[in-house]
Amino acid sequence: MVLAPSYSSKDGEIDKILKCKIIRIPLLRKIKRLRYPGTLVGYLLGWTFFALTVFREKPDIVLFISEEAEVVGGLLPTFPFKPIVRVAGSGITTHFLGNQVRKKLLRLPMLRLYKKALVIAAASHFTKELLEKIDIPRDKITVIYNGVEKYMIHREPNRRKIEELRKKLGIGKEDKILLTVARILPRKGQDTVIRALPKVLSRYSRVKYIVVGEGKYKGNFKRLAKEIKISDNVIFTGGVPHEETINFYDLCDIFIMPNRFWNNKVEGLPNALLEASARGKPVIAGANGGSKEAVKHGITGFLVNPEDIEEIAGVILDLLENEKKARTMGENGKQMIRQIFTEEIMINNYVKILNDSTKKQTTPALDSFK
């Protein structure tokens, strides 16, 4: 069974398709939009539903897959189940390595849950190293990479929808497309791409940069593009349903996300980089965090210093000038995804952990894809 927040009015449609019992936590989506102390109310509501669910359902194993869930789980007085925790990475840097008082307080229940967990599934080897820094025993941690959905790997490009996107966004046949799919934040690096564009445009005038996503820095980055007089070359689409992002990946020539450490947060393993590779696109990413595992430098794309505008512009120009290299990197990326980052591989690894955890004695954690 699944205990989850209420995300949208479409929850009911999804719940009918899934072949398991689903309990939704009402109002949590609205509460999360509030400022502190609304967050405290959200934790209280989540804890109440979780405690009641554990009491009623009496689960043998509970898999925690978000920072909020880790806090709520760690606040239980006892653990009448076997805890398994999936950790992405940014929660460690935010709560354990940052200085915000509220975040530091929340680390206490999180650490308690980590200590009680049979296994901690880290999203990357980078995340595993972060866990080791806060004294989680190495033999308790296994690495399970995120898996790309099957349709992202196998579906043929929809030429009709790609052409519709071109017309809608005003993109010409000769235009080269850079793409970022992510929340609009300094951590994702859209601003550095914008700053690098003038140098790119000085040699390739027909380049468009598409920014898919929403975020509180959207206005800032729009103003930045206007200030450096490249507004006509930067297109902000706003939020796009995940199932439609595949058409944007297929439309672009280069996927770029020069992610950086920002606000005590870092990328554990960016899904957008994996999805772009799955669609056969060369990728450019920041050389930090889990991006160093999602991108094979010089093979599937480039890892760059996210603060170095000259370097970012240089690798963009390199891929634009060498189409054969760009295609080869895209094909290499597609092969990498099929070998390491599929949904099937991810699911099998989680199933193995769950099966091992039903045994009376704890089994050694597997360490996937060293």
Protein backbone atom coordinates (compact mmCIF):
# COMPACT_ATOMS: atom_id res chain seq x y z
CA MET A 1 0.00 0.00 0.00
CA VAL A 2 1.01 3.65 -0.48
CA LEU A 3 0.59 6.62 1.85
CA ALA A 4 1.01 9.84 -0.14
CA PRO A 5 0.02 13.51 -0.18
CA SER A 6 -2.83 14.76 -2.31
CA TYR A 7 -1.16 16.35 -5.33
CA SER A 8 -3.99 17.37 -7.67
CA SER A 9 -7.57 16.74 -8.77
CA LYS A 10 -6.23 13.90 -10.95
CA ASP A 11 -5.18 11.80 -7.95
CA GLY A 12 -8.35 9.74 -8.13
CA GLU A 13 -7.73 8.76 -11.75
CA ILE A 14 -4.19 7.59 -10.93
CA ASP A 15 -5.31 5.72 -7.82
CA LYS A 16 -7.81 3.69 -9.85
CA ILE A 17 -5.10 2.49 -12.22
CA LEU A 18 -2.62 1.38 -9.56
CA LYS A 19 -3.10 -2.13 -8.24
CA CYS A 20 -2.57 -1.35 -4.58
CA LYS A 21 -4.28 0.38 -1.70
CA ILE A 22 -3.60 4.12 -1.62
CA ILE A 23 -4.24 6.48 1.29
CA ARG A 24 -4.07 10.19 0.50
CA ILE A 25 -3.21 12.81 3.10
CA PRO A 26 -5.80 15.57 2.51
CA LEU A 27 -4.93 19.30 2.54
CA LEU A 28 -1.18 18.61 2.62
CA ARG A 29 -0.68 20.11 -0.85
CA LYS A 30 -2.28 23.39 0.27
CA ILE A 31 -0.47 23.45 3.60
CA LYS A 32 2.92 23.03 1.90
CA ARG A 33 2.30 26.29 0.05
CA LEU A 34 2.11 28.17 3.35
CA ARG A 35 5.13 29.62 5.03
CA TYR A 36 6.48 28.47 8.38
CA PRO A 37 4.53 27.67 10.68
CA GLY A 38 2.39 26.13 7.94
CA THR A 39 5.21 23.64 7.46
CA LEU A 40 4.85 22.54 11.08
CA VAL A 41 1.14 21.97 10.52
CA GLY A 42 2.04 19.87 7.49
CA TYR A 43 4.45 17.72 9.50
CA LEU A 44 1.82 17.27 12.22
CA LEU A 45 -0.80 16.23 9.67
CA GLY A 46 1.62 13.84 7.96
CA TRP A 47 2.71 12.33 11.28
CA THR A 48 -0.91 11.80 12.36
CA PHE A 49 -1.84 9.98 9.15
CA PHE A 50 1.35 7.93 9.20
CA ALA A 51 0.91 6.87 12.84
CA LEU A 52 -2.72 5.91 12.24
CA THR A 53 -1.79 3.97 9.09
CA VAL A 54 0.93 2.02 10.90
CA PHE A 55 -1.49 1.23 13.74
CA ARG A 56 -4.25 0.04 11.38
CA GLU A 57 -2.26 -1.71 8.66
CA LYS A 58 0.60 -3.13 10.77
CA PRO A 59 3.14 -3.17 7.91
CA ASP A 60 6.18 -5.46 8.03
CA ILE A 61 8.33 -3.00 6.06
CA VAL A 62 8.04 0.72 5.38
CA LEU A 63 9.97 2.39 2.56
CA PHE A 64 10.49 6.15 3.09
CA ILE A 65 11.14 8.15 -0.10
CA SER A 66 11.17 11.85 0.80
CA GLU A 67 12.72 14.21 3.34
CA GLU A 68 9.32 14.99 4.82
CA ALA A 69 8.57 11.29 5.22
CA GLU A 70 11.94 10.79 6.93
CA VAL A 71 11.15 13.50 9.47
CA VAL A 72 7.70 12.08 10.15
CA GLY A 73 9.04 8.52 10.43
CA GLY A 74 11.81 9.56 12.77
CA LEU A 75 9.28 11.11 15.14
CA LEU A 76 7.52 7.80 15.83
CA PRO A 77 8.09 6.66 19.44
CA THR A 78 8.76 3.08 18.29
CA PHE A 79 9.35 1.23 15.03
CA PRO A 80 6.96 -1.76 14.84
CA PHE A 81 8.21 -2.39 11.29
CA LYS A 82 11.47 -2.64 9.38
CA PRO A 83 12.41 0.80 7.98
CA ILE A 84 14.11 1.23 4.60
CA VAL A 85 15.01 4.75 3.48
CA ARG A 86 15.63 6.11 0.00
CA VAL A 87 17.86 9.22 0.13
CA ALA A 88 18.35 11.60 -2.82
CA GLY A 89 21.08 13.84 -1.42
CA SER A 90 19.87 17.41 -1.03
CA GLY A 91 18.30 16.56 2.32
CA ILE A 92 21.75 15.73 3.70
CA THR A 93 23.35 18.99 2.57
CA THR A 94 20.34 21.03 3.71
CA HIS A 95 19.70 19.51 7.13
CA PHE A 96 23.09 18.17 8.17
CA LEU A 97 25.65 20.40 6.47
CA GLY A 98 23.75 23.71 6.50
CA ASN A 99 23.30 26.28 9.27
CA GLN A 100 19.55 27.00 9.31
CA VAL A 101 18.27 26.42 12.83
CA ARG A 102 14.97 24.84 11.75
CA LYS A 103 16.71 22.49 9.33
CA LYS A 104 19.23 21.51 12.00
CA LEU A 105 16.36 20.58 14.34
CA LEU A 106 14.78 18.37 11.69
CA ARG A 107 18.02 16.44 11.29
CA LEU A 108 17.40 14.79 14.68
CA PRO A 109 14.38 12.65 13.64
CA MET A 110 15.98 12.03 10.22
CA LEU A 111 19.17 10.72 11.80
CA ARG A 112 17.17 8.59 14.20
CA LEU A 113 15.40 6.95 11.26
CA TYR A 114 18.69 6.44 9.40
CA LYS A 115 20.16 4.71 12.43
CA LYS A 116 17.12 2.40 12.71
CA ALA A 117 16.95 1.61 8.99
CA LEU A 118 17.87 -1.86 7.79
CA VAL A 119 19.05 -0.43 4.47
CA ILE A 120 19.48 3.07 3.07
CA ALA A 121 19.13 3.29 -0.71
CA ALA A 122 21.24 6.19 -1.97
CA ALA A 123 20.34 7.69 -5.35
CA SER A 124 24.02 7.93 -6.34
CA HIS A 125 27.51 7.20 -5.08
CA PHE A 126 27.77 10.92 -4.35
CA THR A 127 24.77 10.58 -2.02
CA LYS A 128 26.39 7.55 -0.41
CA GLU A 129 29.48 9.64 0.35
CA LEU A 130 27.26 12.31 1.94
CA LEU A 131 25.67 9.67 4.16
CA GLU A 132 29.08 8.40 5.22
CA LYS A 133 30.01 11.97 6.19
CA ILE A 134 27.24 11.96 8.78
CA ASP A 135 28.49 8.64 10.19
CA ILE A 136 26.04 6.24 8.56
CA PRO A 137 27.82 2.86 8.36
CA ARG A 138 28.98 2.07 4.83
CA ASP A 139 27.62 -1.48 4.91
CA LYS A 140 24.12 -0.15 5.56
CA ILE A 141 24.08 1.90 2.34
CA THR A 142 23.33 0.63 -1.14
CA VAL A 143 23.27 2.66 -4.35
CA ILE A 144 20.16 2.35 -6.49
CA TYR A 145 20.09 4.73 -9.43
CA ASN A 146 16.86 6.32 -10.61
CA GLY A 147 15.32 4.55 -13.57
CA VAL A 148 14.01 6.17 -16.74
CA GLU A 149 10.49 5.17 -17.75
CA LYS A 150 10.16 2.75 -20.68
CA TYR A 151 8.40 5.18 -23.00
CA MET A 152 11.23 7.69 -22.58
CA ILE A 153 13.65 5.07 -23.87
CA HIS A 154 11.65 3.31 -26.57
CA ARG A 155 8.99 5.64 -27.98
CA GLU A 156 9.65 6.99 -31.47
CA PRO A 157 9.67 10.80 -31.80
CA ASN A 158 6.26 12.23 -32.66
CA ARG A 159 7.08 14.39 -35.68
CA ARG A 160 3.65 16.01 -35.77
CA LYS A 161 3.85 17.19 -32.17
CA ILE A 162 7.42 18.40 -32.64
CA GLU A 163 6.32 20.52 -35.61
CA GLU A 164 3.39 21.85 -33.59
CA LEU A 165 5.84 22.89 -30.87
CA ARG A 166 8.04 24.65 -33.43
CA LYS A 167 5.10 26.68 -34.70
CA LYS A 168 3.78 27.43 -31.23
CA LEU A 169 7.16 28.66 -29.98
CA GLY A 170 8.10 30.46 -33.19
CA ILE A 171 11.14 28.31 -33.92
CA GLY A 172 12.44 28.18 -37.48
CA LYS A 173 13.70 25.13 -39.35
CA GLU A 174 17.26 26.41 -39.22
CA ASP A 175 17.24 27.27 -35.52
CA LYS A 176 19.41 25.27 -33.15
CA ILE A 177 17.75 24.49 -29.82
CA LEU A 178 19.21 24.43 -26.33
CA LEU A 179 16.87 23.04 -23.66
CA THR A 180 16.59 22.96 -19.87
CA VAL A 181 13.77 21.09 -18.14
CA ALA A 182 13.84 21.94 -14.44
CA ARG A 183 12.52 24.23 -11.76
CA ILE A 184 13.76 27.76 -12.40
CA LEU A 185 16.33 28.22 -9.66
CA PRO A 186 20.01 29.23 -9.49
CA ARG A 187 20.74 25.62 -8.49
CA LYS A 188 19.67 24.47 -11.95
CA GLY A 189 21.87 27.01 -13.76
CA GLN A 190 19.45 28.58 -16.27
CA ASP A 191 21.00 31.98 -15.51
CA THR A 192 24.49 30.87 -16.54
CA VAL A 193 23.18 29.52 -19.84
CA ILE A 194 21.56 32.92 -20.47
CA ARG A 195 24.85 34.66 -19.65
CA ALA A 196 26.71 32.35 -22.04
CA LEU A 197 24.32 32.94 -24.95
CA PRO A 198 25.79 36.23 -26.27
CA LYS A 199 29.10 34.52 -27.04
CA VAL A 200 27.26 31.62 -28.70
CA LEU A 201 25.07 34.00 -30.71
CA SER A 202 28.10 35.92 -31.94
CA ARG A 203 28.94 32.83 -34.02
CA TYR A 204 25.53 31.16 -34.40
CA SER A 205 22.79 33.75 -34.62
CA ARG A 206 20.01 31.19 -35.00
CA VAL A 207 20.09 29.64 -31.53
CA LYS A 208 17.07 29.47 -29.23
CA TYR A 209 17.18 28.55 -25.55
CA ILE A 210 13.98 26.91 -24.27
CA VAL A 211 13.41 26.94 -20.51
CA VAL A 212 10.71 24.47 -19.45
CA GLY A 213 9.50 24.79 -15.88
CA GLU A 214 8.34 27.20 -13.21
CA GLY A 215 10.08 28.71 -10.21
CA LYS A 216 10.39 31.86 -8.16
CA TYR A 217 13.45 33.03 -10.16
CA LYS A 218 11.60 33.05 -13.46
CA GLY A 219 11.12 36.83 -13.36
CA ASN A 220 14.76 37.39 -12.42
CA PHE A 221 16.04 35.31 -15.32
CA LYS A 222 13.63 36.97 -17.77
CA ARG A 223 14.99 40.34 -16.69
CA LEU A 224 18.54 39.05 -17.09
CA ALA A 225 17.82 38.02 -20.69
CA LYS A 226 16.32 41.44 -21.36
CA GLU A 227 19.27 43.28 -19.78
CA ILE A 228 21.80 41.52 -22.01
CA LYS A 229 19.51 41.97 -25.02
CA ILE A 230 18.82 38.33 -25.89
CA SER A 231 15.13 38.10 -24.90
CA ASP A 232 14.20 37.04 -28.43
CA ASN A 233 16.44 33.99 -28.09
CA VAL A 234 15.16 32.78 -24.70
CA ILE A 235 11.75 31.12 -24.49
CA PHE A 236 10.11 30.44 -21.11
CA THR A 237 7.32 27.90 -21.61
CA GLY A 238 6.12 27.68 -18.02
CA GLY A 239 5.21 24.35 -16.46
CA VAL A 240 4.67 21.39 -18.76
CA PRO A 241 3.11 18.02 -17.78
CA HIS A 242 5.82 15.40 -17.44
CA GLU A 243 4.36 13.18 -20.16
CA GLU A 244 4.75 16.07 -22.63
CA THR A 245 8.40 16.83 -21.87
CA ILE A 246 9.43 14.03 -24.23
CA ASN A 247 8.47 16.25 -27.18
CA PHE A 248 10.75 19.03 -25.92
CA TYR A 249 13.65 16.59 -25.56
CA ASP A 250 13.04 15.42 -29.13
CA LEU A 251 12.85 19.01 -30.37
CA CYS A 252 16.18 20.12 -28.90
CA ASP A 253 19.71 19.71 -30.25
CA ILE A 254 21.48 19.98 -26.87
CA PHE A 255 20.20 19.50 -23.34
CA ILE A 256 21.92 21.77 -20.84
CA MET A 257 21.67 22.09 -17.06
CA PRO A 258 24.86 23.51 -15.51
CA ASN A 259 23.69 22.75 -11.99
CA ARG A 260 25.55 24.18 -9.02
CA PHE A 261 25.60 23.93 -5.23
CA TRP A 262 23.14 26.58 -4.05
CA ASN A 263 21.20 27.32 -0.87
CA ASN A 264 22.79 24.25 0.75
CA LYS A 265 21.23 22.03 -1.90
CA VAL A 266 22.88 19.87 -4.54
CA GLU A 267 21.68 17.48 -7.24
CA GLY A 268 21.67 13.90 -5.99
CA LEU A 269 21.00 12.46 -9.46
CA PRO A 270 19.12 14.74 -11.90
CA ASN A 271 16.36 12.84 -13.70
CA ALA A 272 16.24 15.39 -16.52
CA LEU A 273 19.82 14.55 -17.52
CA LEU A 274 18.93 10.86 -17.70
CA GLU A 275 15.77 11.51 -19.72
CA ALA A 276 17.63 13.69 -22.21
CA SER A 277 20.21 10.93 -22.70
CA ALA A 278 17.40 8.41 -23.11
CA ARG A 279 16.14 10.53 -26.01
CA GLY A 280 19.58 10.45 -27.64
CA LYS A 281 20.62 14.02 -26.88
CA PRO A 282 24.11 15.23 -25.90
CA VAL A 283 24.01 16.78 -22.43
CA ILE A 284 25.91 19.54 -20.65
CA ALA A 285 25.82 19.51 -16.84
CA GLY A 286 27.57 21.00 -13.86
CA ALA A 287 30.56 18.99 -12.64
CA ASN A 288 29.21 18.40 -9.15
CA GLY A 289 26.90 16.14 -7.20
CA GLY A 290 25.27 13.17 -8.87
CA SER A 291 25.57 14.81 -12.29
CA LYS A 292 29.07 13.34 -12.48
CA GLU A 293 27.43 9.90 -12.54
CA ALA A 294 24.60 10.84 -14.94
CA VAL A 295 27.03 12.21 -17.54
CA LYS A 296 30.17 10.50 -18.85
CA HIS A 297 32.40 13.44 -19.68
CA GLY A 298 33.45 13.46 -23.32
CA ILE A 299 31.33 10.37 -24.05
CA THR A 300 27.67 11.23 -23.42
CA GLY A 301 28.20 14.96 -23.02
CA PHE A 302 30.25 17.47 -21.06
CA LEU A 303 30.69 18.30 -17.39
CA VAL A 304 31.50 21.97 -16.86
CA ASN A 305 32.33 24.41 -14.10
CA PRO A 306 28.83 25.88 -13.57
CA GLU A 307 30.29 29.29 -12.74
CA ASP A 308 32.53 29.50 -15.84
CA ILE A 309 30.54 31.29 -18.54
CA GLU A 310 33.39 30.97 -21.06
CA GLU A 311 33.60 27.21 -20.59
CA ILE A 312 29.83 26.79 -20.91
CA ALA A 313 29.75 28.82 -24.12
CA GLY A 314 32.73 26.87 -25.43
CA VAL A 315 31.16 23.42 -25.05
CA ILE A 316 27.89 24.65 -26.57
CA LEU A 317 29.80 25.91 -29.61
CA ASP A 318 31.80 22.68 -29.77
CA LEU A 319 28.59 20.63 -30.07
CA LEU A 320 27.01 23.05 -32.55
CA GLU A 321 30.10 23.00 -34.77
CA ASN A 322 30.56 19.22 -34.60
CA GLU A 323 27.20 17.64 -35.37
CA LYS A 324 28.71 14.18 -35.74
CA LYS A 325 30.23 14.40 -32.26
CA ALA A 326 26.89 15.59 -30.86
CA ARG A 327 25.03 12.66 -32.49
CA THR A 328 27.62 10.16 -31.22
CA MET A 329 27.35 11.52 -27.68
CA GLY A 330 23.57 11.25 -27.89
CA GLU A 331 23.77 7.63 -29.03
CA ASN A 332 26.30 6.84 -26.29
CA GLY A 333 23.94 8.36 -23.76
CA LYS A 334 21.05 6.23 -24.99
CA GLN A 335 23.16 3.09 -24.62
CA MET A 336 24.24 4.12 -21.12
CA ILE A 337 20.62 4.55 -20.05
CA ARG A 338 19.66 1.12 -21.36
CA GLN A 339 22.54 -0.52 -19.52
CA ILE A 340 22.32 1.25 -16.15
CA PHE A 341 19.39 3.65 -15.69
CA THR A 342 16.21 1.80 -16.66
CA GLU A 343 13.04 1.66 -14.61
CA GLU A 344 13.24 -2.15 -14.69
CA ILE A 345 16.72 -2.22 -13.16
CA MET A 346 15.66 0.23 -10.46
CA ILE A 347 12.54 -1.75 -9.58
CA ASN A 348 14.43 -5.06 -9.45
CA ASN A 349 16.95 -3.58 -7.03
CA TYR A 350 14.24 -2.27 -4.73
CA VAL A 351 12.41 -5.60 -4.87
CA LYS A 352 15.64 -7.34 -3.87
CA ILE A 353 16.05 -5.05 -0.87
CA LEU A 354 12.44 -5.63 0.18
CA ASN A 355 12.76 -9.40 -0.20
CA ASP A 356 16.03 -9.46 1.73
CA SER A 357 14.43 -7.40 4.48
CA THR A 358 11.71 -10.00 5.10
CA LYS A 359 14.36 -12.44 6.33
CA LYS A 360 14.98 -12.68 10.04
CA GLN A 361 18.56 -11.54 9.80
CA THR A 362 19.66 -8.43 7.94
CA THR A 363 21.43 -9.29 4.71
CA PRO A 364 24.35 -7.23 3.38
CA ALA A 365 23.21 -4.35 1.18
CA LEU A 366 23.90 -4.64 -2.49
CA ASP A 367 25.98 -1.91 -4.05
CA SER A 368 24.76 -1.44 -7.61
CA PHE A 369 26.84 -0.17 -10.51
CA LYS A 370 30.08 0.81 -8.86
